[in-house]
Amino acid sequence: MNVLIIVFFIASIWLIRKFAWNVEEGTDEQRECNPELNTKNFDIHERRLDRFSKSKYKNRMFYLGADGTCYYYSATGRKIFC
C-alpha cells in the first residue's frame, strides 16, 4: 500500500511539472514583442533572438552573443553554447 502511495505521489509531481511549469505566457502578439515571456514556438524564439538578442524558450532564457553564438546559463552559472 505504501508503494502505491509513493508511485501516485511521484506521478502527480511528474504531471504537474509536465503540464503546469512549461506553459506559454501571454498571447502570440505579446510573446512576439517581449522576449522574457515563455514560448514553445521555435519560430517566435528565433525571431526574438534576432530582434532582441535574447529569448525565453521552453522555460530557459537563451542569449545571442555579439559574435552570433547562441548560449544559455546552466543551474550552476556556466555558459552552455548551442
Protein backbone atom coordinates (compact mmCIF):
# COMPACT_ATOMS: atom_id res chain seq x y z
CA MET A 1 0.00 0.00 0.00
CA ASN A 2 2.85 2.40 0.83
CA VAL A 3 4.48 1.70 -2.52
CA LEU A 4 1.24 2.62 -4.30
CA ILE A 5 1.09 5.93 -2.45
CA ILE A 6 4.71 6.72 -3.35
CA VAL A 7 4.11 5.88 -7.02
CA PHE A 8 0.98 8.05 -7.06
CA PHE A 9 2.91 10.93 -5.44
CA ILE A 10 5.76 10.72 -7.95
CA ALA A 11 3.31 10.51 -10.87
CA SER A 12 1.48 13.58 -9.57
CA ILE A 13 4.69 15.59 -9.37
CA TRP A 14 5.66 14.50 -12.88
CA LEU A 15 2.26 15.55 -14.28
CA ILE A 16 2.44 18.95 -12.60
CA ARG A 17 5.93 19.57 -14.00
CA LYS A 18 4.93 18.35 -17.45
CA PHE A 19 1.81 20.47 -17.86
CA ALA A 20 1.93 23.38 -15.41
CA TRP A 21 5.55 24.54 -15.49
CA ASN A 22 6.01 24.62 -19.26
CA VAL A 23 3.14 26.97 -20.08
CA GLU A 24 3.32 29.65 -22.74
CA GLU A 25 2.82 33.12 -21.30
CA GLY A 26 0.70 35.85 -22.89
CA THR A 27 -0.77 35.98 -26.37
CA ASP A 28 1.13 35.42 -29.61
CA GLU A 29 1.47 39.18 -30.12
CA GLN A 30 2.75 39.72 -26.58
CA ARG A 31 5.26 36.87 -26.91
CA GLU A 32 6.47 38.31 -30.21
CA CYS A 33 7.24 41.68 -28.57
CA ASN A 34 8.50 40.53 -25.16
CA PRO A 35 11.48 38.13 -25.13
CA GLU A 36 11.02 37.39 -21.42
CA LEU A 37 7.67 35.62 -21.92
CA ASN A 38 7.94 31.83 -22.22
CA THR A 39 7.15 30.26 -25.61
CA LYS A 40 7.17 26.79 -27.11
CA ASN A 41 7.11 28.12 -30.68
CA PHE A 42 10.59 27.82 -32.20
CA ASP A 43 9.85 30.36 -34.98
CA ILE A 44 8.92 33.05 -32.44
CA HIS A 45 12.02 32.10 -30.45
CA GLU A 46 14.31 32.60 -33.47
CA ARG A 47 12.70 35.95 -34.39
CA ARG A 48 13.09 37.21 -30.82
CA LEU A 49 16.75 36.16 -30.75
CA ASP A 50 17.36 38.12 -33.97
CA ARG A 51 15.43 41.16 -32.72
CA PHE A 52 16.32 41.33 -29.00
CA SER A 53 19.39 39.03 -28.71
CA LYS A 54 17.56 37.05 -26.01
CA SER A 55 14.52 34.81 -25.81
CA LYS A 56 12.86 32.55 -23.24
CA TYR A 57 12.14 29.21 -24.94
CA LYS A 58 10.71 26.25 -23.01
CA ASN A 59 11.49 27.91 -19.65
CA ARG A 60 15.13 28.59 -20.48
CA MET A 61 16.50 32.04 -21.34
CA PHE A 62 18.72 31.96 -24.44
CA TYR A 63 21.09 34.75 -25.44
CA LEU A 64 22.74 35.69 -28.72
CA GLY A 65 26.34 36.85 -28.33
CA ALA A 66 27.98 39.68 -30.29
CA ASP A 67 29.73 37.11 -32.47
CA GLY A 68 26.41 35.37 -33.28
CA THR A 69 26.76 32.42 -30.91
CA CYS A 70 23.71 31.20 -29.03
CA TYR A 71 24.09 30.29 -25.36
CA TYR A 72 22.23 29.88 -22.07
CA TYR A 73 23.29 29.61 -18.44
CA SER A 74 23.12 26.32 -16.57
CA ALA A 75 21.84 25.98 -12.99
CA THR A 76 25.44 26.30 -11.77
CA GLY A 77 26.03 29.51 -13.78
CA ARG A 78 28.12 28.02 -16.58
CA LYS A 79 27.63 29.28 -20.11
CA ILE A 80 26.34 26.49 -22.34
CA PHE A 81 26.75 27.12 -26.09
CA CYS A 82 24.22 25.68 -28.51
